[in-house]
Amino acid sequence: MDNQAFDGRPNLSDLELIWRCLNCGEHMVVEGETLPEVCPSCSAPKTEFERVRED
């Protein structure tokens, strides 16, 4: 069993987040916080990504 305390917040490394490339509109599902360096569709840098919020 893991000895780390549970504080009620989800661990970001366990989440799947959706990001959108502002250059081409490609949507990417990314596990955790690690983004690809470039968009797989248009090769735009990761500075062109925005997180898609799910309401």
Protein backbone atom coordinates (compact mmCIF):
# COMPACT_ATOMS: atom_id res chain seq x y z
CA MET A 1 0.00 0.00 0.00
CA ASP A 2 1.19 3.51 -0.79
CA ASN A 3 2.18 5.46 2.33
CA GLN A 4 1.51 8.90 0.82
CA ALA A 5 -1.33 10.87 2.40
CA PHE A 6 -4.45 11.40 0.33
CA ASP A 7 -5.45 15.06 0.35
CA GLY A 8 -8.63 14.74 -1.74
CA ARG A 9 -7.13 16.22 -4.90
CA PRO A 10 -6.56 14.10 -8.00
CA ASN A 11 -2.98 13.31 -8.93
CA LEU A 12 -2.30 15.16 -12.21
CA SER A 13 -0.13 12.32 -13.46
CA ASP A 14 -3.24 10.08 -13.40
CA LEU A 15 -5.51 12.46 -15.34
CA GLU A 16 -6.20 12.54 -19.05
CA LEU A 17 -6.36 16.14 -20.27
CA ILE A 18 -7.53 17.37 -23.65
CA TRP A 19 -5.41 19.97 -25.44
CA ARG A 20 -6.08 21.79 -28.72
CA CYS A 21 -3.52 23.13 -31.13
CA LEU A 22 -4.32 26.79 -31.85
CA ASN A 23 -2.57 26.52 -35.22
CA CYS A 24 -4.55 23.64 -36.79
CA GLY A 25 -7.29 22.77 -34.29
CA GLU A 26 -6.04 19.23 -33.62
CA HIS A 27 -7.29 17.80 -30.31
CA MET A 28 -4.90 15.67 -28.25
CA VAL A 29 -5.63 13.52 -25.22
CA VAL A 30 -2.59 13.67 -22.96
CA GLU A 31 -2.05 11.64 -19.81
CA GLY A 32 -0.64 13.74 -16.99
CA GLU A 33 1.17 17.01 -17.52
CA THR A 34 3.64 16.00 -20.24
CA LEU A 35 2.78 17.58 -23.58
CA PRO A 36 4.39 16.60 -26.86
CA GLU A 37 7.01 19.11 -28.00
CA VAL A 38 5.14 19.70 -31.29
CA CYS A 39 1.65 19.10 -32.66
CA PRO A 40 1.43 15.67 -34.32
CA SER A 41 -0.60 17.16 -37.20
CA CYS A 42 1.08 20.45 -38.09
CA SER A 43 4.34 20.49 -36.06
CA ALA A 44 3.43 23.72 -34.23
CA PRO A 45 5.37 24.08 -30.95
CA LYS A 46 3.65 23.20 -27.68
CA THR A 47 3.39 26.92 -26.90
CA GLU A 48 0.51 26.86 -29.41
CA PHE A 49 -1.56 24.39 -27.33
CA GLU A 50 -4.43 25.37 -25.06
CA ARG A 51 -6.19 23.11 -22.59
CA VAL A 52 -9.80 22.33 -23.45
CA ARG A 53 -11.97 22.79 -20.36
CA GLU A 54 -14.73 20.34 -19.69
CA ASP A 55 -17.63 22.01 -17.89
